[in-house]
Amino acid sequence: IPNRSIELLVADAELATRREALNGVYAPKSRERKVSAALRAYAAMATSADRGAVRDVSKLG
């Protein structure tokens, strides 16, 4: 990159529009999907990622 710089050729109004779109709340699209029994069982027992995302059967009780 010459002079270690990048010139952005996008109008300020367009950048403002894009920033505004990013500030909205994310919501995934509603869709029908088949979730297997194994995935439902894992979801019911899985710990959070900071705890290793492992199964913890004590969560069933």
N, C-alpha and C. Protein backbone atom coordinates (compact mmCIF):
# COMPACT_ATOMS: atom_id res chain seq x y z
N ILE A 1 0.87 -1.18 0.00
CA ILE A 1 0.00 0.00 0.00
C ILE A 1 0.91 1.23 0.00
N PRO A 2 0.84 2.04 -1.03
CA PRO A 2 1.67 3.24 -1.09
C PRO A 2 1.36 4.20 0.06
N ASN A 3 2.37 4.70 0.69
CA ASN A 3 2.24 5.66 1.80
C ASN A 3 1.41 5.11 2.96
N ARG A 4 1.19 3.82 2.96
CA ARG A 4 0.42 3.16 4.02
C ARG A 4 -0.92 3.87 4.29
N SER A 5 -1.64 4.15 3.23
CA SER A 5 -2.94 4.80 3.39
C SER A 5 -3.92 4.21 2.38
N ILE A 6 -5.18 4.34 2.71
CA ILE A 6 -6.26 3.87 1.84
C ILE A 6 -7.24 5.02 1.69
N GLU A 7 -7.66 5.28 0.47
CA GLU A 7 -8.64 6.33 0.22
C GLU A 7 -9.98 5.67 -0.06
N LEU A 8 -10.97 6.02 0.73
CA LEU A 8 -12.30 5.43 0.60
C LEU A 8 -13.14 6.32 -0.30
N LEU A 9 -13.59 5.78 -1.41
CA LEU A 9 -14.37 6.56 -2.38
C LEU A 9 -15.86 6.28 -2.22
N VAL A 10 -16.36 6.54 -1.02
CA VAL A 10 -17.78 6.36 -0.72
C VAL A 10 -18.27 7.65 -0.09
N ALA A 11 -19.41 8.13 -0.54
CA ALA A 11 -19.96 9.39 -0.04
C ALA A 11 -20.27 9.31 1.45
N ASP A 12 -20.13 10.45 2.14
CA ASP A 12 -20.42 10.50 3.57
C ASP A 12 -21.86 10.08 3.87
N ALA A 13 -22.79 10.47 3.00
CA ALA A 13 -24.19 10.09 3.20
C ALA A 13 -24.36 8.58 3.14
N GLU A 14 -23.67 7.93 2.21
CA GLU A 14 -23.73 6.47 2.09
C GLU A 14 -23.14 5.80 3.32
N LEU A 15 -22.03 6.33 3.82
CA LEU A 15 -21.43 5.77 5.04
C LEU A 15 -22.38 5.91 6.22
N ALA A 16 -23.05 7.06 6.32
CA ALA A 16 -24.01 7.27 7.41
C ALA A 16 -25.16 6.27 7.31
N THR A 17 -25.64 6.03 6.10
CA THR A 17 -26.72 5.06 5.89
C THR A 17 -26.28 3.66 6.31
N ARG A 18 -25.07 3.29 5.94
CA ARG A 18 -24.55 1.96 6.30
C ARG A 18 -24.36 1.83 7.81
N ARG A 19 -23.85 2.88 8.45
CA ARG A 19 -23.67 2.83 9.91
C ARG A 19 -25.01 2.68 10.62
N GLU A 20 -26.02 3.40 10.12
CA GLU A 20 -27.35 3.32 10.72
C GLU A 20 -27.91 1.91 10.61
N ALA A 21 -27.69 1.26 9.48
CA ALA A 21 -28.17 -0.11 9.29
C ALA A 21 -27.48 -1.07 10.24
N LEU A 22 -26.21 -0.82 10.57
CA LEU A 22 -25.47 -1.69 11.48
C LEU A 22 -25.93 -1.53 12.92
N ASN A 23 -26.50 -0.38 13.26
CA ASN A 23 -26.90 -0.12 14.64
C ASN A 23 -28.20 -0.80 15.03
N GLY A 24 -28.93 -1.36 14.09
CA GLY A 24 -30.17 -2.04 14.40
C GLY A 24 -29.93 -3.33 15.16
N VAL A 25 -30.95 -3.82 15.80
CA VAL A 25 -30.86 -5.06 16.56
C VAL A 25 -30.86 -6.23 15.60
N TYR A 26 -29.94 -7.16 15.81
CA TYR A 26 -29.87 -8.34 14.95
C TYR A 26 -30.97 -9.31 15.33
N ALA A 27 -31.67 -9.79 14.35
CA ALA A 27 -32.68 -10.84 14.56
C ALA A 27 -32.57 -11.81 13.38
N PRO A 28 -32.31 -13.08 13.66
CA PRO A 28 -32.21 -14.04 12.56
C PRO A 28 -33.56 -14.21 11.87
N LYS A 29 -33.51 -14.59 10.62
CA LYS A 29 -34.74 -14.80 9.86
C LYS A 29 -35.51 -15.97 10.45
N SER A 30 -36.81 -15.83 10.48
CA SER A 30 -37.66 -16.92 10.95
C SER A 30 -37.67 -18.01 9.88
N ARG A 31 -37.45 -19.23 10.31
CA ARG A 31 -37.43 -20.33 9.34
C ARG A 31 -37.83 -21.62 10.02
N GLU A 32 -38.37 -22.51 9.22
CA GLU A 32 -38.70 -23.85 9.68
C GLU A 32 -37.45 -24.70 9.55
N ARG A 33 -37.08 -25.38 10.61
CA ARG A 33 -35.93 -26.26 10.51
C ARG A 33 -36.14 -27.46 11.41
N LYS A 34 -35.62 -28.57 10.97
CA LYS A 34 -35.73 -29.81 11.72
C LYS A 34 -34.53 -29.92 12.65
N VAL A 35 -34.79 -30.04 13.94
CA VAL A 35 -33.73 -30.20 14.94
C VAL A 35 -33.80 -31.62 15.45
N SER A 36 -32.70 -32.34 15.32
CA SER A 36 -32.68 -33.75 15.70
C SER A 36 -32.82 -33.90 17.22
N ALA A 37 -33.23 -35.07 17.63
CA ALA A 37 -33.36 -35.36 19.06
C ALA A 37 -32.00 -35.26 19.75
N ALA A 38 -30.94 -35.67 19.06
CA ALA A 38 -29.60 -35.59 19.64
C ALA A 38 -29.20 -34.14 19.90
N LEU A 39 -29.51 -33.25 18.98
CA LEU A 39 -29.18 -31.84 19.17
C LEU A 39 -30.01 -31.22 20.29
N ARG A 40 -31.28 -31.60 20.38
CA ARG A 40 -32.12 -31.10 21.49
C ARG A 40 -31.57 -31.58 22.82
N ALA A 41 -31.13 -32.84 22.89
CA ALA A 41 -30.57 -33.38 24.13
C ALA A 41 -29.28 -32.66 24.49
N TYR A 42 -28.42 -32.42 23.51
CA TYR A 42 -27.17 -31.71 23.77
C TYR A 42 -27.46 -30.29 24.26
N ALA A 43 -28.41 -29.61 23.63
CA ALA A 43 -28.75 -28.25 24.02
C ALA A 43 -29.26 -28.20 25.46
N ALA A 44 -29.98 -29.22 25.87
CA ALA A 44 -30.51 -29.26 27.23
C ALA A 44 -29.42 -29.48 28.26
N MET A 45 -28.34 -30.15 27.89
CA MET A 45 -27.29 -30.50 28.86
C MET A 45 -26.01 -29.70 28.71
N ALA A 46 -25.81 -28.98 27.62
CA ALA A 46 -24.52 -28.33 27.36
C ALA A 46 -24.26 -27.16 28.29
N THR A 47 -23.01 -27.06 28.72
CA THR A 47 -22.59 -25.90 29.51
C THR A 47 -22.16 -24.80 28.54
N SER A 48 -21.92 -23.61 29.07
CA SER A 48 -21.51 -22.49 28.22
C SER A 48 -20.08 -22.68 27.72
N ALA A 49 -19.70 -21.89 26.74
CA ALA A 49 -18.38 -22.01 26.12
C ALA A 49 -17.26 -21.78 27.12
N ASP A 50 -17.47 -20.85 28.07
CA ASP A 50 -16.40 -20.58 29.04
C ASP A 50 -16.20 -21.74 30.00
N ARG A 51 -17.12 -22.69 30.00
CA ARG A 51 -16.99 -23.88 30.84
C ARG A 51 -16.68 -25.12 30.00
N GLY A 52 -16.36 -24.90 28.73
CA GLY A 52 -15.94 -25.99 27.86
C GLY A 52 -17.00 -26.53 26.93
N ALA A 53 -18.23 -26.05 27.02
CA ALA A 53 -19.34 -26.51 26.18
C ALA A 53 -19.45 -28.03 26.21
N VAL A 54 -19.33 -28.59 27.39
CA VAL A 54 -19.44 -30.04 27.57
C VAL A 54 -20.81 -30.37 28.13
N ARG A 55 -21.17 -31.64 28.08
CA ARG A 55 -22.45 -32.06 28.63
C ARG A 55 -22.36 -32.16 30.15
N ASP A 56 -23.39 -31.67 30.81
CA ASP A 56 -23.48 -31.71 32.27
C ASP A 56 -24.86 -32.27 32.61
N VAL A 57 -24.91 -33.55 32.96
CA VAL A 57 -26.20 -34.20 33.20
C VAL A 57 -26.91 -33.64 34.42
N SER A 58 -26.22 -32.93 35.28
CA SER A 58 -26.89 -32.33 36.44
C SER A 58 -27.85 -31.22 36.01
N LYS A 59 -27.72 -30.72 34.79
CA LYS A 59 -28.62 -29.69 34.29
C LYS A 59 -30.00 -30.25 33.95
N LEU A 60 -30.13 -31.57 33.91
CA LEU A 60 -31.41 -32.19 33.57
C LEU A 60 -32.40 -32.16 34.72
N GLY A 61 -31.91 -32.08 35.93
CA GLY A 61 -32.77 -32.16 37.10
C GLY A 61 -33.35 -30.91 37.52
